[in-house]
Full PDB file with SEQRES, HELIX, SHEET, SSBOND, CRYST1, ORIGX, SCALE, CONECT and MASTER records, all heavy atoms in Angstrom:
SEQRES   1 A   36  ASN LEU LYS THR LEU PRO ASP GLU LEU LEU ALA ASN ASP          
SEQRES   2 A   36  GLN ARG MET ALA LEU ALA SER ASP ASN LYS PRO LEU LYS          
SEQRES   3 A   36  ILE LEU SER THR ASP GLU GLU LEU MET ARG                      
HELIX    1 AA1 LEU A    2  THR A    4  5                                   3    
HELIX    2 AA2 ASP A    7  ASN A   22  1                                  16    
HELIX    3 AA3 ASP A   31  MET A   35  1                                   5    
CRYST1    1.000    1.000    1.000  90.00  90.00  90.00 P 1           1          
ORIGX1      1.000000  0.000000  0.000000        0.00000                         
ORIGX2      0.000000  1.000000  0.000000        0.00000                         
ORIGX3      0.000000  0.000000  1.000000        0.00000                         
SCALE1      1.000000  0.000000  0.000000        0.00000                         
SCALE2      0.000000  1.000000  0.000000        0.00000                         
SCALE3      0.000000  0.000000  1.000000        0.00000                         
ATOM      1  N   ASN A   1     152.486-138.239 -54.070  1.00  0.00           N  
ATOM      2  CA  ASN A   1     152.922-137.169 -54.950  1.00  0.00           C  
ATOM      3  C   ASN A   1     154.363-136.758 -54.751  1.00  0.00           C  
ATOM      4  O   ASN A   1     154.899-135.982 -55.522  1.00  0.00           O  
ATOM      5  CB  ASN A   1     152.039-135.906 -54.739  1.00  0.00           C  
ATOM      6  CG  ASN A   1     150.603-136.177 -55.121  1.00  0.00           C  
ATOM      7  OD1 ASN A   1     150.334-137.027 -55.972  1.00  0.00           O  
ATOM      8  ND2 ASN A   1     149.701-135.462 -54.518  1.00  0.00           N  
ATOM      9  N   LEU A   2     155.022-137.301 -53.720  1.00  0.00           N  
ATOM     10  CA  LEU A   2     156.381-136.895 -53.417  1.00  0.00           C  
ATOM     11  C   LEU A   2     157.356-137.266 -54.520  1.00  0.00           C  
ATOM     12  O   LEU A   2     158.375-136.579 -54.699  1.00  0.00           O  
ATOM     13  CB  LEU A   2     156.849-137.503 -52.100  1.00  0.00           C  
ATOM     14  CG  LEU A   2     156.167-136.934 -50.834  1.00  0.00           C  
ATOM     15  CD1 LEU A   2     156.711-137.652 -49.590  1.00  0.00           C  
ATOM     16  CD2 LEU A   2     156.379-135.441 -50.707  1.00  0.00           C  
ATOM     17  N   LYS A   3     157.076-138.300 -55.269  1.00  0.00           N  
ATOM     18  CA  LYS A   3     157.984-138.719 -56.337  1.00  0.00           C  
ATOM     19  C   LYS A   3     158.120-137.686 -57.428  1.00  0.00           C  
ATOM     20  O   LYS A   3     159.086-137.649 -58.135  1.00  0.00           O  
ATOM     21  CB  LYS A   3     157.489-140.044 -56.909  1.00  0.00           C  
ATOM     22  CG  LYS A   3     157.525-141.187 -55.919  1.00  0.00           C  
ATOM     23  CD  LYS A   3     156.896-142.439 -56.512  1.00  0.00           C  
ATOM     24  CE  LYS A   3     156.756-143.469 -55.408  1.00  0.00           C  
ATOM     25  NZ  LYS A   3     155.905-144.556 -55.796  1.00  0.00           N  
ATOM     26  N   THR A   4     157.120-136.838 -57.596  1.00  0.00           N  
ATOM     27  CA  THR A   4     157.127-135.845 -58.683  1.00  0.00           C  
ATOM     28  C   THR A   4     157.655-134.475 -58.237  1.00  0.00           C  
ATOM     29  O   THR A   4     157.790-133.605 -59.064  1.00  0.00           O  
ATOM     30  CB  THR A   4     155.703-135.649 -59.242  1.00  0.00           C  
ATOM     31  OG1 THR A   4     154.868-135.152 -58.188  1.00  0.00           O  
ATOM     32  CG2 THR A   4     155.151-136.952 -59.787  1.00  0.00           C  
ATOM     33  N   LEU A   5     158.003-134.334 -56.967  1.00  0.00           N  
ATOM     34  CA  LEU A   5     158.513-133.047 -56.477  1.00  0.00           C  
ATOM     35  C   LEU A   5     159.988-132.880 -56.868  1.00  0.00           C  
ATOM     36  O   LEU A   5     160.759-133.851 -56.842  1.00  0.00           O  
ATOM     37  CB  LEU A   5     158.417-132.970 -54.972  1.00  0.00           C  
ATOM     38  CG  LEU A   5     157.035-132.747 -54.364  1.00  0.00           C  
ATOM     39  CD1 LEU A   5     157.100-132.817 -52.846  1.00  0.00           C  
ATOM     40  CD2 LEU A   5     156.463-131.419 -54.802  1.00  0.00           C  
ATOM     41  N   PRO A   6     160.371-131.648 -57.145  1.00  0.00           N  
ATOM     42  CA  PRO A   6     161.807-131.379 -57.342  1.00  0.00           C  
ATOM     43  C   PRO A   6     162.569-131.714 -56.025  1.00  0.00           C  
ATOM     44  O   PRO A   6     162.006-131.640 -54.951  1.00  0.00           O  
ATOM     45  CB  PRO A   6     161.863-129.888 -57.632  1.00  0.00           C  
ATOM     46  CG  PRO A   6     160.492-129.501 -58.024  1.00  0.00           C  
ATOM     47  CD  PRO A   6     159.559-130.469 -57.344  1.00  0.00           C  
ATOM     48  N   ASP A   7     163.826-132.025 -56.170  1.00  0.00           N  
ATOM     49  CA  ASP A   7     164.623-132.464 -55.009  1.00  0.00           C  
ATOM     50  C   ASP A   7     164.597-131.410 -53.871  1.00  0.00           C  
ATOM     51  O   ASP A   7     164.534-131.767 -52.718  1.00  0.00           O  
ATOM     52  CB  ASP A   7     166.072-132.718 -55.416  1.00  0.00           C  
ATOM     53  CG  ASP A   7     166.199-133.971 -56.262  1.00  0.00           C  
ATOM     54  OD1 ASP A   7     165.291-134.833 -56.193  1.00  0.00           O  
ATOM     55  OD2 ASP A   7     167.226-134.096 -56.964  1.00  0.00           O  
ATOM     56  N   GLU A   8     164.648-130.131 -54.220  1.00  0.00           N  
ATOM     57  CA  GLU A   8     164.630-129.091 -53.165  1.00  0.00           C  
ATOM     58  C   GLU A   8     163.371-129.110 -52.375  1.00  0.00           C  
ATOM     59  O   GLU A   8     163.404-129.031 -51.132  1.00  0.00           O  
ATOM     60  CB  GLU A   8     164.838-127.730 -53.839  1.00  0.00           C  
ATOM     61  CG  GLU A   8     164.929-126.585 -52.853  1.00  0.00           C  
ATOM     62  CD  GLU A   8     165.092-125.245 -53.529  1.00  0.00           C  
ATOM     63  OE1 GLU A   8     165.669-125.188 -54.620  1.00  0.00           O  
ATOM     64  OE2 GLU A   8     164.652-124.248 -52.957  1.00  0.00           O  
ATOM     65  N   LEU A   9     162.236-129.231 -53.028  1.00  0.00           N  
ATOM     66  CA  LEU A   9     160.945-129.295 -52.327  1.00  0.00           C  
ATOM     67  C   LEU A   9     160.811-130.574 -51.528  1.00  0.00           C  
ATOM     68  O   LEU A   9     160.276-130.576 -50.423  1.00  0.00           O  
ATOM     69  CB  LEU A   9     159.802-129.136 -53.307  1.00  0.00           C  
ATOM     70  CG  LEU A   9     159.610-127.765 -53.949  1.00  0.00           C  
ATOM     71  CD1 LEU A   9     158.472-127.802 -54.935  1.00  0.00           C  
ATOM     72  CD2 LEU A   9     159.366-126.723 -52.866  1.00  0.00           C  
ATOM     73  N   LEU A  10     161.294-131.657 -52.068  1.00  0.00           N  
ATOM     74  CA  LEU A  10     161.265-132.934 -51.359  1.00  0.00           C  
ATOM     75  C   LEU A  10     162.083-132.857 -50.077  1.00  0.00           C  
ATOM     76  O   LEU A  10     161.645-133.276 -49.028  1.00  0.00           O  
ATOM     77  CB  LEU A  10     161.751-134.043 -52.266  1.00  0.00           C  
ATOM     78  CG  LEU A  10     161.746-135.464 -51.663  1.00  0.00           C  
ATOM     79  CD1 LEU A  10     160.344-135.854 -51.211  1.00  0.00           C  
ATOM     80  CD2 LEU A  10     162.290-136.452 -52.676  1.00  0.00           C  
ATOM     81  N   ALA A  11     163.273-132.258 -50.175  1.00  0.00           N  
ATOM     82  CA  ALA A  11     164.138-132.131 -48.997  1.00  0.00           C  
ATOM     83  C   ALA A  11     163.453-131.218 -47.956  1.00  0.00           C  
ATOM     84  O   ALA A  11     163.502-131.511 -46.763  1.00  0.00           O  
ATOM     85  CB  ALA A  11     165.469-131.560 -49.400  1.00  0.00           C  
ATOM     86  N   ASN A  12     162.808-130.160 -48.409  1.00  0.00           N  
ATOM     87  CA  ASN A  12     162.118-129.259 -47.503  1.00  0.00           C  
ATOM     88  C   ASN A  12     160.965-129.993 -46.803  1.00  0.00           C  
ATOM     89  O   ASN A  12     160.755-129.849 -45.587  1.00  0.00           O  
ATOM     90  CB  ASN A  12     161.610-128.019 -48.220  1.00  0.00           C  
ATOM     91  CG  ASN A  12     161.046-126.984 -47.328  1.00  0.00           C  
ATOM     92  OD1 ASN A  12     161.650-126.709 -46.269  1.00  0.00           O  
ATOM     93  ND2 ASN A  12     159.906-126.451 -47.645  1.00  0.00           N  
ATOM     94  N   ASP A  13     160.217-130.787 -47.542  1.00  0.00           N  
ATOM     95  CA  ASP A  13     159.120-131.565 -46.986  1.00  0.00           C  
ATOM     96  C   ASP A  13     159.635-132.527 -45.915  1.00  0.00           C  
ATOM     97  O   ASP A  13     159.056-132.664 -44.840  1.00  0.00           O  
ATOM     98  CB  ASP A  13     158.380-132.335 -48.084  1.00  0.00           C  
ATOM     99  CG  ASP A  13     157.213-133.106 -47.552  1.00  0.00           C  
ATOM    100  OD1 ASP A  13     156.238-132.473 -47.080  1.00  0.00           O  
ATOM    101  OD2 ASP A  13     157.263-134.374 -47.596  1.00  0.00           O  
ATOM    102  N   GLN A  14     160.757-133.160 -46.196  1.00  0.00           N  
ATOM    103  CA  GLN A  14     161.324-134.092 -45.240  1.00  0.00           C  
ATOM    104  C   GLN A  14     161.833-133.363 -43.967  1.00  0.00           C  
ATOM    105  O   GLN A  14     161.674-133.879 -42.868  1.00  0.00           O  
ATOM    106  CB  GLN A  14     162.460-134.896 -45.885  1.00  0.00           C  
ATOM    107  CG  GLN A  14     161.943-135.873 -46.917  1.00  0.00           C  
ATOM    108  CD  GLN A  14     163.050-136.487 -47.774  1.00  0.00           C  
ATOM    109  OE1 GLN A  14     164.143-135.959 -47.889  1.00  0.00           O  
ATOM    110  NE2 GLN A  14     162.714-137.622 -48.414  1.00  0.00           N  
ATOM    111  N   ARG A  15     162.436-132.185 -44.153  1.00  0.00           N  
ATOM    112  CA  ARG A  15     162.891-131.388 -42.985  1.00  0.00           C  
ATOM    113  C   ARG A  15     161.703-130.996 -42.116  1.00  0.00           C  
ATOM    114  O   ARG A  15     161.753-131.054 -40.891  1.00  0.00           O  
ATOM    115  CB  ARG A  15     163.630-130.136 -43.433  1.00  0.00           C  
ATOM    116  CG  ARG A  15     165.084-130.378 -43.778  1.00  0.00           C  
ATOM    117  CD  ARG A  15     165.848-129.063 -43.903  1.00  0.00           C  
ATOM    118  NE  ARG A  15     165.282-128.143 -44.904  1.00  0.00           N  
ATOM    119  CZ  ARG A  15     165.550-128.151 -46.194  1.00  0.00           C  
ATOM    120  NH1 ARG A  15     166.393-129.042 -46.681  1.00  0.00           N  
ATOM    121  NH2 ARG A  15     164.983-127.289 -47.003  1.00  0.00           N  
ATOM    122  N   MET A  16     160.594-130.598 -42.739  1.00  0.00           N  
ATOM    123  CA  MET A  16     159.390-130.197 -41.995  1.00  0.00           C  
ATOM    124  C   MET A  16     158.828-131.386 -41.219  1.00  0.00           C  
ATOM    125  O   MET A  16     158.419-131.256 -40.063  1.00  0.00           O  
ATOM    126  CB  MET A  16     158.345-129.564 -42.869  1.00  0.00           C  
ATOM    127  CG  MET A  16     158.691-128.182 -43.342  1.00  0.00           C  
ATOM    128  SD  MET A  16     157.387-127.286 -44.187  1.00  0.00           S  
ATOM    129  CE  MET A  16     156.856-128.436 -45.407  1.00  0.00           C  
ATOM    130  N   ALA A  17     158.810-132.550 -41.861  1.00  0.00           N  
ATOM    131  CA  ALA A  17     158.298-133.745 -41.193  1.00  0.00           C  
ATOM    132  C   ALA A  17     159.164-134.107 -39.993  1.00  0.00           C  
ATOM    133  O   ALA A  17     158.646-134.448 -38.921  1.00  0.00           O  
ATOM    134  CB  ALA A  17     158.232-134.901 -42.183  1.00  0.00           C  
ATOM    135  N   LEU A  18     160.458-134.025 -40.131  1.00  0.00           N  
ATOM    136  CA  LEU A  18     161.360-134.303 -39.016  1.00  0.00           C  
ATOM    137  C   LEU A  18     161.202-133.295 -37.903  1.00  0.00           C  
ATOM    138  O   LEU A  18     161.223-133.644 -36.724  1.00  0.00           O  
ATOM    139  CB  LEU A  18     162.807-134.343 -39.498  1.00  0.00           C  
ATOM    140  CG  LEU A  18     163.221-135.580 -40.294  1.00  0.00           C  
ATOM    141  CD1 LEU A  18     164.661-135.390 -40.819  1.00  0.00           C  
ATOM    142  CD2 LEU A  18     163.134-136.827 -39.432  1.00  0.00           C  
ATOM    143  N   ALA A  19     161.070-132.047 -38.243  1.00  0.00           N  
ATOM    144  CA  ALA A  19     160.919-130.994 -37.242  1.00  0.00           C  
ATOM    145  C   ALA A  19     159.654-131.195 -36.436  1.00  0.00           C  
ATOM    146  O   ALA A  19     159.668-131.033 -35.213  1.00  0.00           O  
ATOM    147  CB  ALA A  19     160.916-129.611 -37.903  1.00  0.00           C  
ATOM    148  N   SER A  20     158.561-131.560 -37.100  1.00  0.00           N  
ATOM    149  CA  SER A  20     157.313-131.771 -36.350  1.00  0.00           C  
ATOM    150  C   SER A  20     157.408-133.008 -35.459  1.00  0.00           C  
ATOM    151  O   SER A  20     156.791-133.065 -34.404  1.00  0.00           O  
ATOM    152  CB  SER A  20     156.117-131.825 -37.279  1.00  0.00           C  
ATOM    153  OG  SER A  20     156.202-132.975 -38.093  1.00  0.00           O  
ATOM    154  N   ASP A  21     158.180-133.993 -35.885  1.00  0.00           N  
ATOM    155  CA  ASP A  21     158.365-135.182 -35.043  1.00  0.00           C  
ATOM    156  C   ASP A  21     159.197-134.866 -33.806  1.00  0.00           C  
ATOM    157  O   ASP A  21     158.995-135.416 -32.748  1.00  0.00           O  
ATOM    158  CB  ASP A  21     159.079-136.292 -35.835  1.00  0.00           C  
ATOM    159  CG  ASP A  21     158.146-136.927 -36.876  1.00  0.00           C  
ATOM    160  OD1 ASP A  21     156.939-136.749 -36.779  1.00  0.00           O  
ATOM    161  OD2 ASP A  21     158.695-137.605 -37.777  1.00  0.00           O  
ATOM    162  N   ASN A  22     160.158-133.952 -33.954  1.00  0.00           N  
ATOM    163  CA  ASN A  22     161.086-133.649 -32.882  1.00  0.00           C  
ATOM    164  C   ASN A  22     160.554-132.588 -31.908  1.00  0.00           C  
ATOM    165  O   ASN A  22     161.079-132.441 -30.814  1.00  0.00           O  
ATOM    166  CB  ASN A  22     162.440-133.201 -33.432  1.00  0.00           C  
ATOM    167  CG  ASN A  22     163.150-134.300 -34.140  1.00  0.00           C  
ATOM    168  OD1 ASN A  22     162.969-135.461 -33.836  1.00  0.00           O  
ATOM    169  ND2 ASN A  22     163.973-133.943 -35.118  1.00  0.00           N  
ATOM    170  N   LYS A  23     159.553-131.848 -32.317  1.00  0.00           N  
ATOM    171  CA  LYS A  23     159.019-130.763 -31.463  1.00  0.00           C  
ATOM    172  C   LYS A  23     157.508-130.898 -31.359  1.00  0.00           C  
ATOM    173  O   LYS A  23     156.780-130.194 -32.045  1.00  0.00           O  
ATOM    174  CB  LYS A  23     159.370-129.394 -32.059  1.00  0.00           C  
ATOM    175  CG  LYS A  23     160.862-129.143 -32.071  1.00  0.00           C  
ATOM    176  CD  LYS A  23     161.166-127.813 -32.645  1.00  0.00           C  
ATOM    177  CE  LYS A  23     162.682-127.628 -32.739  1.00  0.00           C  
ATOM    178  NZ  LYS A  23     163.059-126.398 -33.401  1.00  0.00           N  
ATOM    179  N   PRO A  24     157.035-131.792 -30.496  1.00  0.00           N  
ATOM    180  CA  PRO A  24     155.586-131.958 -30.374  1.00  0.00           C  
ATOM    181  C   PRO A  24     154.943-130.708 -29.761  1.00  0.00           C  
ATOM    182  O   PRO A  24     155.629-129.903 -29.123  1.00  0.00           O  
ATOM    183  CB  PRO A  24     155.441-133.148 -29.426  1.00  0.00           C  
ATOM    184  CG  PRO A  24     156.733-133.159 -28.686  1.00  0.00           C  
ATOM    185  CD  PRO A  24     157.802-132.626 -29.603  1.00  0.00           C  
ATOM    186  N   LEU A  25     153.662-130.549 -29.983  1.00  0.00           N  
ATOM    187  CA  LEU A  25     152.937-129.406 -29.420  1.00  0.00           C  
ATOM    188  C   LEU A  25     152.964-129.482 -27.905  1.00  0.00           C  
ATOM    189  O   LEU A  25     152.913-130.565 -27.320  1.00  0.00           O  
ATOM    190  CB  LEU A  25     151.471-129.468 -29.870  1.00  0.00           C  
ATOM    191  CG  LEU A  25     151.200-129.208 -31.351  1.00  0.00           C  
ATOM    192  CD1 LEU A  25     149.747-129.432 -31.668  1.00  0.00           C  
ATOM    193  CD2 LEU A  25     151.610-127.816 -31.752  1.00  0.00           C  
ATOM    194  N   LYS A  26     153.055-128.310 -27.288  1.00  0.00           N  
ATOM    195  CA  LYS A  26     153.046-128.269 -25.834  1.00  0.00           C  
ATOM    196  C   LYS A  26     151.574-128.377 -25.374  1.00  0.00           C  
ATOM    197  O   LYS A  26     150.741-127.589 -25.784  1.00  0.00           O  
ATOM    198  CB  LYS A  26     153.624-126.977 -25.343  1.00  0.00           C  
ATOM    199  CG  LYS A  26     153.538-126.833 -23.830  1.00  0.00           C  
ATOM    200  CD  LYS A  26     154.651-126.004 -23.286  1.00  0.00           C  
ATOM    201  CE  LYS A  26     154.505-125.805 -21.814  1.00  0.00           C  
ATOM    202  NZ  LYS A  26     154.993-126.892 -21.034  1.00  0.00           N  
ATOM    203  N   ILE A  27     151.327-129.358 -24.578  1.00  0.00           N  
ATOM    204  CA  ILE A  27     149.970-129.569 -24.056  1.00  0.00           C  
ATOM    205  C   ILE A  27     150.041-129.395 -22.573  1.00  0.00           C  
ATOM    206  O   ILE A  27     150.874-130.006 -21.885  1.00  0.00           O  
ATOM    207  CB  ILE A  27     149.447-130.976 -24.434  1.00  0.00           C  
ATOM    208  CG1 ILE A  27     149.356-131.078 -25.949  1.00  0.00           C  
ATOM    209  CG2 ILE A  27     148.108-131.223 -23.768  1.00  0.00           C  
ATOM    210  CD1 ILE A  27     149.014-132.470 -26.430  1.00  0.00           C  
ATOM    211  N   LEU A  28     149.190-128.536 -22.049  1.00  0.00           N  
ATOM    212  CA  LEU A  28     149.121-128.310 -20.619  1.00  0.00           C  
ATOM    213  C   LEU A  28     148.369-129.456 -19.978  1.00  0.00           C  
ATOM    214  O   LEU A  28     147.158-129.615 -20.204  1.00  0.00           O  
ATOM    215  CB  LEU A  28     148.411-126.968 -20.330  1.00  0.00           C  
ATOM    216  CG  LEU A  28     149.031-125.745 -21.023  1.00  0.00           C  
ATOM    217  CD1 LEU A  28     148.184-124.502 -20.796  1.00  0.00           C  
ATOM    218  CD2 LEU A  28     150.432-125.510 -20.557  1.00  0.00           C  
ATOM    219  N   SER A  29     149.062-130.264 -19.211  1.00  0.00           N  
ATOM    220  CA  SER A  29     148.400-131.476 -18.698  1.00  0.00           C  
ATOM    221  C   SER A  29     148.284-131.516 -17.182  1.00  0.00           C  
ATOM    222  O   SER A  29     147.393-132.209 -16.683  1.00  0.00           O  
ATOM    223  CB  SER A  29     149.104-132.717 -19.216  1.00  0.00           C  
ATOM    224  OG  SER A  29     150.451-132.690 -18.861  1.00  0.00           O  
ATOM    225  N   THR A  30     149.142-130.830 -16.464  1.00  0.00           N  
ATOM    226  CA  THR A  30     149.069-130.881 -15.023  1.00  0.00           C  
ATOM    227  C   THR A  30     148.465-129.595 -14.464  1.00  0.00           C  
ATOM    228  O   THR A  30     148.449-128.545 -15.164  1.00  0.00           O  
ATOM    229  CB  THR A  30     150.459-131.052 -14.386  1.00  0.00           C  
ATOM    230  OG1 THR A  30     151.242-129.901 -14.645  1.00  0.00           O  
ATOM    231  CG2 THR A  30     151.159-132.276 -14.939  1.00  0.00           C  
ATOM    232  N   ASP A  31     147.947-129.654 -13.268  1.00  0.00           N  
ATOM    233  CA  ASP A  31     147.395-128.454 -12.641  1.00  0.00           C  
ATOM    234  C   ASP A  31     148.457-127.362 -12.509  1.00  0.00           C  
ATOM    235  O   ASP A  31     148.152-126.172 -12.664  1.00  0.00           O  
ATOM    236  CB  ASP A  31     146.825-128.789 -11.248  1.00  0.00           C  
ATOM    237  CG  ASP A  31     145.497-129.552 -11.350  1.00  0.00           C  
ATOM    238  OD1 ASP A  31     144.877-129.567 -12.410  1.00  0.00           O  
ATOM    239  OD2 ASP A  31     145.105-130.147 -10.307  1.00  0.00           O  
ATOM    240  N   GLU A  32     149.696-127.769 -12.276  1.00  0.00           N  
ATOM    241  CA  GLU A  32     150.782-126.783 -12.150  1.00  0.00           C  
ATOM    242  C   GLU A  32     151.024-126.045 -13.478  1.00  0.00           C  
ATOM    243  O   GLU A  32     151.188-124.816 -13.506  1.00  0.00           O  
ATOM    244  CB  GLU A  32     152.086-127.449 -11.676  1.00  0.00           C  
ATOM    245  CG  GLU A  32     152.026-127.970 -10.260  1.00  0.00           C  
ATOM    246  CD  GLU A  32     151.299-129.296 -10.098  1.00  0.00           C  
ATOM    247  OE1 GLU A  32     151.108-130.034 -11.106  1.00  0.00           O  
ATOM    248  OE2 GLU A  32     150.876-129.580  -8.984  1.00  0.00           O  
ATOM    249  N   GLU A  33     151.002-126.799 -14.588  1.00  0.00           N  
ATOM    250  CA  GLU A  33     151.172-126.173 -15.902  1.00  0.00           C  
ATOM    251  C   GLU A  33     149.989-125.273 -16.218  1.00  0.00           C  
ATOM    252  O   GLU A  33     150.143-124.169 -16.777  1.00  0.00           O  
ATOM    253  CB  GLU A  33     151.299-127.232 -16.979  1.00  0.00           C  
ATOM    254  CG  GLU A  33     152.594-128.019 -16.899  1.00  0.00           C  
ATOM    255  CD  GLU A  33     152.647-129.191 -17.837  1.00  0.00           C  
ATOM    256  OE1 GLU A  33     151.584-129.761 -18.175  1.00  0.00           O  
ATOM    257  OE2 GLU A  33     153.751-129.547 -18.248  1.00  0.00           O  
ATOM    258  N   LEU A  34     148.787-125.709 -15.867  1.00  0.00           N  
ATOM    259  CA  LEU A  34     147.588-124.894 -16.098  1.00  0.00           C  
ATOM    260  C   LEU A  34     147.650-123.610 -15.281  1.00  0.00           C  
ATOM    261  O   LEU A  34     147.331-122.512 -15.783  1.00  0.00           O  
ATOM    262  CB  LEU A  34     146.327-125.675 -15.749  1.00  0.00           C  
ATOM    263  CG  LEU A  34     146.034-126.879 -16.654  1.00  0.00           C  
ATOM    264  CD1 LEU A  34     144.912-127.723 -16.066  1.00  0.00           C  
ATOM    265  CD2 LEU A  34     145.728-126.436 -18.073  1.00  0.00           C  
ATOM    266  N   MET A  35     148.119-123.686 -14.017  1.00  0.00           N  
ATOM    267  CA  MET A  35     148.233-122.512 -13.189  1.00  0.00           C  
ATOM    268  C   MET A  35     149.282-121.543 -13.726  1.00  0.00           C  
ATOM    269  O   MET A  35     149.082-120.320 -13.677  1.00  0.00           O  
ATOM    270  CB  MET A  35     148.556-122.879 -11.736  1.00  0.00           C  
ATOM    271  CG  MET A  35     147.371-123.203 -10.887  1.00  0.00           C  
ATOM    272  SD  MET A  35     146.088-121.915 -10.867  1.00  0.00           S  
ATOM    273  CE  MET A  35     146.957-120.545 -10.115  1.00  0.00           C  
ATOM    274  N   ARG A  36     150.369-122.048 -14.266  1.00  0.00           N  
ATOM    275  CA  ARG A  36     151.387-121.171 -14.853  1.00  0.00           C  
ATOM    276  C   ARG A  36     150.782-120.410 -16.018  1.00  0.00           C  
ATOM    277  O   ARG A  36     151.054-119.202 -16.182  1.00  0.00           O  
ATOM    278  CB  ARG A  36     152.615-121.953 -15.286  1.00  0.00           C  
ATOM    279  CG  ARG A  36     153.561-122.233 -14.157  1.00  0.00           C  
ATOM    280  CD  ARG A  36     154.946-122.636 -14.629  1.00  0.00           C  
ATOM    281  NE  ARG A  36     154.949-123.870 -15.415  1.00  0.00           N  
ATOM    282  CZ  ARG A  36     155.058-125.103 -14.907  1.00  0.00           C  
ATOM    283  NH1 ARG A  36     155.165-125.282 -13.603  1.00  0.00           N  
ATOM    284  NH2 ARG A  36     155.064-126.129 -15.682  1.00  0.00           N  
TER     285      ARG A  36                                                      
MASTER        0    0    0    3    0    0    0    6  284    1    0    3          
END                                                                             
């Protein structure tokens, strides 16, 4: 459906996709992180 979006919405969608790629969710994986 991206082909039918106005350029502004398409650019916003691309920015959101890049932001989520660059900032992964913080996952508590070590005992030290869990204790914090």
